[in-house]
């Protein structure tokens, strides 16, 4: 999941600072660390900034679709889009970002997208075509992508 640039609170000078956003994200992060009813999600902070998270999603065989994922790893889900009407008329404003979203709801939406994606509007069009035309080859490529990701995780 893409994260915003590192922020610091001008009063404290520390990453994440004491802003209300930092306090809220810190509370939500701690809650996600202690909740046992969020299957398949592991998260940690990069450095000590609550604005920079590293996320690992553990998916099953049915959740192996990557056509909602851009080549750079960013995901394409409506709740991350600005809260305005879609100029293409594809999404309503109510399907987009709202202040009630939190890290957990976003990650659960990503898992849902991977489990039952919209192949008529793929972020990765090549993957979307392969999914429709040759699911066996698609799954083979996804598994290779996962293995490559695991191999490079410690670099």
N, C-alpha and C. Protein backbone atom coordinates (compact mmCIF):
# COMPACT_ATOMS: atom_id res chain seq x y z
N UNK A 1 0.85 -1.16 0.00
CA UNK A 1 0.00 0.00 0.00
C UNK A 1 0.89 1.22 0.00
N UNK A 2 0.59 2.16 -0.85
CA UNK A 2 1.39 3.38 -0.91
C UNK A 2 1.17 4.18 0.35
N UNK A 3 2.21 4.83 0.83
CA UNK A 3 2.09 5.65 2.03
C UNK A 3 2.48 7.07 1.71
N UNK A 4 1.93 8.03 2.48
CA UNK A 4 2.28 9.43 2.25
C UNK A 4 3.72 9.68 2.65
N UNK A 5 4.29 10.78 2.17
CA UNK A 5 5.66 11.08 2.54
C UNK A 5 5.78 11.22 4.05
N UNK A 6 7.00 10.97 4.57
CA UNK A 6 7.21 11.11 6.00
C UNK A 6 6.84 12.50 6.44
N UNK A 7 6.20 12.59 7.57
CA UNK A 7 5.79 13.86 8.12
C UNK A 7 6.45 14.01 9.48
N UNK A 8 6.58 15.20 9.91
CA UNK A 8 7.05 15.41 11.27
C UNK A 8 6.27 16.56 11.87
N UNK A 9 6.08 16.48 13.15
CA UNK A 9 5.37 17.51 13.87
C UNK A 9 6.35 18.63 14.17
N UNK A 10 6.01 19.86 13.80
CA UNK A 10 6.95 20.95 13.95
C UNK A 10 7.28 21.23 15.41
N UNK A 11 6.37 20.92 16.31
CA UNK A 11 6.62 21.21 17.71
C UNK A 11 7.63 20.24 18.31
N UNK A 12 7.55 18.96 17.95
CA UNK A 12 8.43 17.98 18.55
C UNK A 12 9.61 17.63 17.66
N UNK A 13 9.46 17.82 16.35
CA UNK A 13 10.53 17.48 15.42
C UNK A 13 10.71 15.99 15.23
N UNK A 14 9.88 15.16 15.80
CA UNK A 14 10.03 13.72 15.67
C UNK A 14 9.12 13.20 14.57
N UNK A 15 9.55 12.12 13.88
CA UNK A 15 8.71 11.54 12.84
C UNK A 15 7.37 11.13 13.43
N UNK A 16 6.31 11.45 12.74
CA UNK A 16 4.98 11.11 13.24
C UNK A 16 4.46 12.14 14.20
N UNK A 17 5.36 12.77 14.96
CA UNK A 17 5.01 13.88 15.85
C UNK A 17 3.88 13.58 16.80
N UNK A 18 3.23 14.61 17.26
CA UNK A 18 2.12 14.50 18.21
C UNK A 18 0.85 15.05 17.61
N UNK A 19 0.77 15.15 16.30
CA UNK A 19 -0.44 15.65 15.66
C UNK A 19 -1.60 14.71 15.95
N UNK A 20 -2.81 15.21 15.78
CA UNK A 20 -3.98 14.36 16.01
C UNK A 20 -3.98 13.17 15.05
N UNK A 21 -3.52 13.39 13.82
CA UNK A 21 -3.43 12.28 12.85
C UNK A 21 -2.46 11.22 13.34
N UNK A 22 -1.31 11.65 13.87
CA UNK A 22 -0.31 10.70 14.37
C UNK A 22 -0.85 9.92 15.57
N UNK A 23 -1.55 10.61 16.45
CA UNK A 23 -2.11 9.94 17.62
C UNK A 23 -3.15 8.91 17.21
N UNK A 24 -4.03 9.29 16.27
CA UNK A 24 -5.07 8.37 15.80
C UNK A 24 -4.46 7.17 15.09
N UNK A 25 -3.50 7.41 14.19
CA UNK A 25 -2.86 6.29 13.49
C UNK A 25 -2.11 5.39 14.45
N UNK A 26 -1.48 5.96 15.46
CA UNK A 26 -0.77 5.16 16.45
C UNK A 26 -1.74 4.25 17.20
N UNK A 27 -2.88 4.79 17.57
CA UNK A 27 -3.91 4.01 18.26
C UNK A 27 -4.42 2.89 17.35
N UNK A 28 -4.68 3.21 16.08
CA UNK A 28 -5.18 2.20 15.14
C UNK A 28 -4.13 1.12 14.87
N UNK A 29 -2.87 1.53 14.79
CA UNK A 29 -1.79 0.56 14.59
C UNK A 29 -1.72 -0.41 15.77
N UNK A 30 -1.74 0.12 16.99
CA UNK A 30 -1.68 -0.73 18.18
C UNK A 30 -2.88 -1.68 18.24
N UNK A 31 -4.05 -1.19 17.86
CA UNK A 31 -5.25 -2.03 17.84
C UNK A 31 -5.08 -3.18 16.85
N UNK A 32 -4.55 -2.88 15.68
CA UNK A 32 -4.34 -3.93 14.67
C UNK A 32 -3.30 -4.94 15.13
N UNK A 33 -2.34 -4.51 15.92
CA UNK A 33 -1.32 -5.42 16.44
C UNK A 33 -1.91 -6.39 17.46
N UNK A 34 -2.93 -5.97 18.19
CA UNK A 34 -3.50 -6.82 19.24
C UNK A 34 -4.73 -7.59 18.78
N UNK A 35 -5.42 -7.13 17.74
CA UNK A 35 -6.60 -7.84 17.25
C UNK A 35 -6.20 -9.18 16.65
N UNK A 36 -6.88 -10.22 17.06
CA UNK A 36 -6.62 -11.55 16.50
C UNK A 36 -7.67 -11.92 15.46
N UNK A 37 -8.67 -11.07 15.28
CA UNK A 37 -9.74 -11.40 14.34
C UNK A 37 -9.57 -10.69 12.99
N UNK A 38 -8.32 -10.36 12.65
CA UNK A 38 -8.03 -9.79 11.33
C UNK A 38 -7.12 -10.79 10.62
N UNK A 39 -7.70 -11.84 10.07
CA UNK A 39 -6.86 -12.88 9.46
C UNK A 39 -6.15 -12.39 8.20
N UNK A 40 -4.93 -12.82 8.04
CA UNK A 40 -4.20 -12.56 6.81
C UNK A 40 -3.52 -11.22 6.71
N UNK A 41 -3.49 -10.43 7.78
CA UNK A 41 -2.86 -9.12 7.73
C UNK A 41 -1.77 -9.03 8.79
N UNK A 42 -0.59 -8.67 8.37
CA UNK A 42 0.51 -8.40 9.29
C UNK A 42 1.05 -7.03 8.93
N UNK A 43 1.22 -6.17 9.93
CA UNK A 43 1.70 -4.83 9.63
C UNK A 43 2.75 -4.40 10.66
N UNK A 44 3.60 -3.53 10.21
CA UNK A 44 4.62 -2.95 11.07
C UNK A 44 4.96 -1.56 10.56
N UNK A 45 5.65 -0.80 11.38
CA UNK A 45 6.07 0.53 10.99
C UNK A 45 7.43 0.47 10.31
N UNK A 46 7.63 1.33 9.35
CA UNK A 46 8.94 1.51 8.74
C UNK A 46 9.60 2.62 9.55
N UNK A 47 10.69 2.29 10.23
CA UNK A 47 11.30 3.26 11.13
C UNK A 47 10.37 3.48 12.30
N UNK A 48 10.22 4.72 12.73
CA UNK A 48 9.34 5.00 13.86
C UNK A 48 8.21 5.95 13.49
N UNK A 49 7.91 6.07 12.20
CA UNK A 49 6.86 6.96 11.75
C UNK A 49 5.55 6.21 11.59
N UNK A 50 4.49 6.70 12.23
CA UNK A 50 3.18 6.07 12.08
C UNK A 50 2.58 6.37 10.72
N UNK A 51 3.23 7.19 9.93
CA UNK A 51 2.74 7.51 8.58
C UNK A 51 3.35 6.60 7.51
N UNK A 52 4.22 5.69 7.90
CA UNK A 52 4.89 4.81 6.93
C UNK A 52 4.80 3.38 7.43
N UNK A 53 3.89 2.60 6.86
CA UNK A 53 3.64 1.23 7.28
C UNK A 53 4.16 0.24 6.24
N UNK A 54 4.54 -0.92 6.72
CA UNK A 54 4.87 -2.04 5.84
C UNK A 54 3.81 -3.11 6.10
N UNK A 55 3.18 -3.56 5.04
CA UNK A 55 2.03 -4.48 5.15
C UNK A 55 2.35 -5.79 4.44
N UNK A 56 1.98 -6.89 5.07
CA UNK A 56 2.06 -8.19 4.42
C UNK A 56 0.68 -8.82 4.48
N UNK A 57 0.17 -9.21 3.33
CA UNK A 57 -1.13 -9.87 3.24
C UNK A 57 -0.89 -11.34 2.92
N UNK A 58 -1.44 -12.22 3.74
CA UNK A 58 -1.32 -13.65 3.51
C UNK A 58 -2.61 -14.13 2.89
N UNK A 59 -2.55 -14.52 1.63
CA UNK A 59 -3.74 -14.84 0.85
C UNK A 59 -3.82 -16.33 0.58
N UNK A 60 -5.03 -16.79 0.33
CA UNK A 60 -5.19 -18.19 -0.04
C UNK A 60 -5.25 -18.32 -1.56
N UNK A 61 -5.43 -19.54 -2.02
CA UNK A 61 -5.43 -19.82 -3.46
C UNK A 61 -6.47 -19.03 -4.24
N UNK A 62 -7.60 -18.72 -3.61
CA UNK A 62 -8.66 -18.01 -4.31
C UNK A 62 -8.38 -16.52 -4.42
N UNK A 63 -7.43 -16.02 -3.66
CA UNK A 63 -7.13 -14.59 -3.65
C UNK A 63 -5.80 -14.32 -4.35
N UNK A 64 -5.66 -14.81 -5.55
CA UNK A 64 -4.39 -14.67 -6.23
C UNK A 64 -4.47 -13.75 -7.45
N UNK A 65 -5.39 -12.83 -7.43
CA UNK A 65 -5.54 -11.95 -8.57
C UNK A 65 -4.74 -10.68 -8.39
N UNK A 66 -3.94 -10.36 -9.37
CA UNK A 66 -3.11 -9.16 -9.29
C UNK A 66 -3.52 -8.12 -10.32
N UNK A 67 -4.67 -8.27 -10.94
CA UNK A 67 -5.02 -7.27 -11.95
C UNK A 67 -5.64 -6.03 -11.35
N UNK A 68 -5.81 -5.99 -10.03
CA UNK A 68 -6.19 -4.76 -9.34
C UNK A 68 -4.97 -4.06 -8.76
N UNK A 69 -3.80 -4.56 -9.15
CA UNK A 69 -2.54 -4.03 -8.63
C UNK A 69 -1.72 -3.50 -9.80
N UNK A 70 -1.28 -2.25 -9.69
CA UNK A 70 -0.44 -1.67 -10.73
C UNK A 70 0.95 -2.30 -10.68
N UNK A 71 1.71 -2.15 -11.75
CA UNK A 71 3.04 -2.75 -11.81
C UNK A 71 3.96 -2.26 -10.69
N UNK A 72 3.74 -1.05 -10.18
CA UNK A 72 4.59 -0.52 -9.10
C UNK A 72 4.13 -0.99 -7.72
N UNK A 73 3.08 -1.82 -7.66
CA UNK A 73 2.60 -2.37 -6.39
C UNK A 73 1.46 -1.62 -5.77
N UNK A 74 1.11 -0.45 -6.28
CA UNK A 74 -0.02 0.29 -5.73
C UNK A 74 -1.31 -0.42 -6.14
N UNK A 75 -2.33 -0.28 -5.29
CA UNK A 75 -3.60 -0.94 -5.57
C UNK A 75 -4.62 0.05 -6.10
N UNK A 76 -5.56 -0.48 -6.84
CA UNK A 76 -6.63 0.33 -7.42
C UNK A 76 -7.94 -0.08 -6.77
N UNK A 77 -8.33 0.66 -5.73
CA UNK A 77 -9.63 0.42 -5.10
C UNK A 77 -10.31 1.76 -4.89
N UNK A 78 -11.60 1.76 -5.03
CA UNK A 78 -12.39 2.99 -4.99
C UNK A 78 -12.20 3.79 -3.71
N UNK A 79 -12.09 3.13 -2.56
CA UNK A 79 -12.04 3.88 -1.31
C UNK A 79 -10.77 4.71 -1.17
N UNK A 80 -9.79 4.52 -2.05
CA UNK A 80 -8.58 5.34 -2.01
C UNK A 80 -8.66 6.53 -2.97
N UNK A 81 -9.74 6.60 -3.76
CA UNK A 81 -9.89 7.71 -4.70
C UNK A 81 -10.45 8.94 -3.98
N UNK A 82 -10.13 10.14 -4.46
CA UNK A 82 -10.63 11.37 -3.82
C UNK A 82 -12.16 11.37 -3.71
N UNK A 83 -12.70 11.98 -2.64
CA UNK A 83 -14.15 11.97 -2.42
C UNK A 83 -14.89 12.96 -3.30
N UNK A 84 -14.93 12.67 -4.56
CA UNK A 84 -15.60 13.55 -5.52
C UNK A 84 -16.25 12.67 -6.58
N UNK A 85 -17.10 13.25 -7.38
CA UNK A 85 -17.71 12.47 -8.45
C UNK A 85 -16.66 12.07 -9.47
N UNK A 86 -16.78 10.85 -9.95
CA UNK A 86 -15.86 10.30 -10.95
C UNK A 86 -16.15 10.95 -12.30
N UNK A 87 -15.14 11.57 -12.89
CA UNK A 87 -15.36 12.25 -14.17
C UNK A 87 -15.74 11.28 -15.28
N UNK A 88 -15.47 9.97 -15.08
CA UNK A 88 -15.81 8.97 -16.09
C UNK A 88 -17.16 8.31 -15.80
N UNK A 89 -17.75 8.64 -14.64
CA UNK A 89 -19.06 8.10 -14.29
C UNK A 89 -19.04 6.65 -13.85
N UNK A 90 -17.86 6.13 -13.51
CA UNK A 90 -17.75 4.72 -13.13
C UNK A 90 -18.08 4.51 -11.65
N UNK A 91 -17.66 5.45 -10.79
CA UNK A 91 -17.87 5.31 -9.35
C UNK A 91 -18.68 6.49 -8.83
N UNK A 92 -19.50 6.23 -7.84
CA UNK A 92 -20.19 7.35 -7.18
C UNK A 92 -19.29 7.88 -6.07
N UNK A 93 -19.54 9.10 -5.65
CA UNK A 93 -18.73 9.72 -4.59
C UNK A 93 -18.81 8.89 -3.31
N UNK A 94 -19.92 8.22 -3.06
CA UNK A 94 -20.08 7.43 -1.83
C UNK A 94 -19.18 6.20 -1.79
N UNK A 95 -18.66 5.77 -2.96
CA UNK A 95 -17.76 4.62 -3.01
C UNK A 95 -16.30 5.02 -2.78
N UNK A 96 -16.05 6.30 -2.67
CA UNK A 96 -14.69 6.80 -2.58
C UNK A 96 -14.30 7.14 -1.15
N UNK A 97 -13.14 7.74 -0.99
CA UNK A 97 -12.58 8.03 0.32
C UNK A 97 -13.57 8.78 1.20
N UNK A 98 -13.59 8.42 2.48
CA UNK A 98 -14.34 9.17 3.48
C UNK A 98 -13.57 9.08 4.80
N UNK A 99 -13.80 10.02 5.69
CA UNK A 99 -13.06 10.04 6.96
C UNK A 99 -13.30 8.82 7.85
N UNK A 100 -14.32 8.03 7.57
CA UNK A 100 -14.56 6.85 8.40
C UNK A 100 -13.62 5.70 8.06
N UNK A 101 -12.88 5.81 6.96
CA UNK A 101 -11.92 4.77 6.59
C UNK A 101 -10.77 4.77 7.59
N UNK A 102 -10.22 3.60 7.83
CA UNK A 102 -9.05 3.48 8.69
C UNK A 102 -8.15 2.41 8.08
N UNK A 103 -6.94 2.23 8.59
CA UNK A 103 -6.05 1.24 7.97
C UNK A 103 -6.67 -0.15 7.86
N UNK A 104 -7.40 -0.58 8.88
CA UNK A 104 -8.01 -1.90 8.84
C UNK A 104 -9.04 -2.01 7.72
N UNK A 105 -9.93 -1.01 7.59
CA UNK A 105 -10.95 -1.08 6.55
C UNK A 105 -10.33 -1.03 5.16
N UNK A 106 -9.25 -0.28 5.01
CA UNK A 106 -8.56 -0.22 3.71
C UNK A 106 -7.94 -1.58 3.38
N UNK A 107 -7.26 -2.18 4.35
CA UNK A 107 -6.63 -3.48 4.09
C UNK A 107 -7.66 -4.57 3.85
N UNK A 108 -8.77 -4.54 4.56
CA UNK A 108 -9.83 -5.52 4.30
C UNK A 108 -10.42 -5.32 2.91
N UNK A 109 -10.49 -4.08 2.45
CA UNK A 109 -10.96 -3.80 1.09
C UNK A 109 -9.98 -4.34 0.05
N UNK A 110 -8.69 -4.22 0.33
CA UNK A 110 -7.68 -4.77 -0.59
C UNK A 110 -7.83 -6.29 -0.66
N UNK A 111 -7.98 -6.95 0.49
CA UNK A 111 -8.15 -8.40 0.50
C UNK A 111 -9.42 -8.79 -0.25
N UNK A 112 -10.48 -8.04 -0.06
CA UNK A 112 -11.72 -8.30 -0.78
C UNK A 112 -11.52 -8.13 -2.28
N UNK A 113 -10.81 -7.08 -2.67
CA UNK A 113 -10.55 -6.84 -4.09
C UNK A 113 -9.75 -7.99 -4.69
N UNK A 114 -8.79 -8.51 -3.94
CA UNK A 114 -7.99 -9.62 -4.46
C UNK A 114 -8.81 -10.91 -4.54
N UNK A 115 -9.79 -11.05 -3.65
CA UNK A 115 -10.62 -12.25 -3.65
C UNK A 115 -11.71 -12.24 -4.69
N UNK A 116 -12.25 -11.07 -4.99
CA UNK A 116 -13.31 -10.97 -6.00
C UNK A 116 -13.16 -9.64 -6.75
N UNK A 117 -12.15 -9.57 -7.59
CA UNK A 117 -11.86 -8.32 -8.29
C UNK A 117 -12.82 -8.05 -9.44
N UNK A 118 -12.81 -6.81 -9.87
CA UNK A 118 -13.61 -6.38 -11.02
C UNK A 118 -12.71 -6.48 -12.25
N UNK A 119 -12.84 -7.54 -13.00
CA UNK A 119 -11.95 -7.73 -14.16
C UNK A 119 -12.36 -6.90 -15.37
N UNK A 120 -13.44 -6.12 -15.24
CA UNK A 120 -13.81 -5.22 -16.32
C UNK A 120 -13.12 -3.87 -16.21
N UNK A 121 -12.44 -3.65 -15.08
CA UNK A 121 -11.73 -2.40 -14.87
C UNK A 121 -10.41 -2.68 -14.16
N UNK A 122 -9.52 -3.46 -14.78
CA UNK A 122 -8.28 -3.83 -14.11
C UNK A 122 -7.26 -2.69 -14.12
N UNK A 123 -6.50 -2.57 -13.03
CA UNK A 123 -5.39 -1.62 -13.00
C UNK A 123 -4.29 -2.12 -13.92
N UNK A 124 -4.08 -3.43 -13.92
CA UNK A 124 -3.07 -4.07 -14.76
C UNK A 124 -3.83 -4.77 -15.89
N UNK A 125 -3.92 -4.10 -17.03
CA UNK A 125 -4.74 -4.63 -18.13
C UNK A 125 -4.22 -5.95 -18.68
N UNK A 126 -2.89 -6.13 -18.73
CA UNK A 126 -2.34 -7.40 -19.21
C UNK A 126 -2.75 -8.55 -18.29
N UNK A 127 -2.69 -8.31 -16.98
CA UNK A 127 -3.11 -9.34 -16.02
C UNK A 127 -4.60 -9.61 -16.16
N UNK A 128 -5.40 -8.57 -16.37
CA UNK A 128 -6.84 -8.75 -16.55
C UNK A 128 -7.16 -9.62 -17.76
N UNK A 129 -6.46 -9.37 -18.86
CA UNK A 129 -6.68 -10.18 -20.07
C UNK A 129 -6.26 -11.62 -19.84
N UNK A 130 -5.10 -11.81 -19.20
CA UNK A 130 -4.63 -13.16 -18.93
C UNK A 130 -5.60 -13.90 -18.01
N UNK A 131 -6.16 -13.21 -17.02
CA UNK A 131 -7.14 -13.81 -16.10
C UNK A 131 -8.35 -14.32 -16.88
N UNK A 132 -8.84 -13.52 -17.81
CA UNK A 132 -10.02 -13.92 -18.58
C UNK A 132 -9.71 -15.04 -19.58
N UNK A 133 -8.50 -15.01 -20.18
CA UNK A 133 -8.21 -15.93 -21.27
C UNK A 133 -7.46 -17.20 -20.88
N UNK A 134 -6.66 -17.15 -19.80
CA UNK A 134 -5.83 -18.31 -19.45
C UNK A 134 -5.54 -18.29 -17.95
N UNK A 135 -6.52 -18.73 -17.16
CA UNK A 135 -6.37 -18.66 -15.70
C UNK A 135 -5.21 -19.51 -15.19
N UNK A 136 -4.92 -20.62 -15.85
CA UNK A 136 -3.81 -21.47 -15.40
C UNK A 136 -2.49 -20.70 -15.52
N UNK A 137 -2.26 -20.06 -16.64
CA UNK A 137 -1.04 -19.27 -16.84
C UNK A 137 -1.03 -18.06 -15.90
N UNK A 138 -2.19 -17.47 -15.70
CA UNK A 138 -2.29 -16.34 -14.78
C UNK A 138 -1.82 -16.75 -13.39
N UNK A 139 -2.33 -17.86 -12.87
CA UNK A 139 -1.95 -18.33 -11.53
C UNK A 139 -0.46 -18.67 -11.47
N UNK A 140 0.06 -19.23 -12.54
CA UNK A 140 1.49 -19.55 -12.58
C UNK A 140 2.32 -18.27 -12.44
N UNK A 141 1.94 -17.23 -13.15
CA UNK A 141 2.67 -15.95 -13.08
C UNK A 141 2.53 -15.28 -11.71
N UNK A 142 1.34 -15.38 -11.12
CA UNK A 142 1.14 -14.80 -9.79
C UNK A 142 2.03 -15.51 -8.78
N UNK A 143 2.09 -16.82 -8.84
CA UNK A 143 2.95 -17.56 -7.91
C UNK A 143 4.41 -17.17 -8.09
N UNK A 144 4.84 -16.99 -9.32
CA UNK A 144 6.21 -16.55 -9.57
C UNK A 144 6.46 -15.16 -8.98
N UNK A 145 5.49 -14.29 -9.16
CA UNK A 145 5.58 -12.94 -8.61
C UNK A 145 5.72 -12.98 -7.09
N UNK A 146 4.93 -13.85 -6.45
CA UNK A 146 4.99 -13.98 -4.99
C UNK A 146 6.35 -14.53 -4.57
N UNK A 147 6.85 -15.56 -5.27
CA UNK A 147 8.17 -16.11 -4.94
C UNK A 147 9.26 -15.06 -5.09
N UNK A 148 9.20 -14.30 -6.18
CA UNK A 148 10.19 -13.24 -6.40
C UNK A 148 10.11 -12.19 -5.30
N UNK A 149 8.90 -11.86 -4.89
CA UNK A 149 8.71 -10.89 -3.82
C UNK A 149 9.29 -11.40 -2.51
N UNK A 150 9.06 -12.68 -2.22
CA UNK A 150 9.60 -13.28 -0.99
C UNK A 150 11.13 -13.30 -1.03
N UNK A 151 11.70 -13.63 -2.19
CA UNK A 151 13.14 -13.67 -2.32
C UNK A 151 13.80 -12.32 -2.11
N UNK A 152 13.13 -11.27 -2.56
CA UNK A 152 13.71 -9.92 -2.47
C UNK A 152 13.31 -9.19 -1.19
N UNK A 153 12.47 -9.79 -0.35
CA UNK A 153 11.98 -9.11 0.85
C UNK A 153 13.08 -8.76 1.83
N UNK A 154 14.16 -9.49 1.81
CA UNK A 154 15.23 -9.28 2.80
C UNK A 154 16.41 -8.54 2.21
N UNK A 155 16.31 -8.09 0.96
CA UNK A 155 17.41 -7.34 0.34
C UNK A 155 17.51 -5.94 0.89
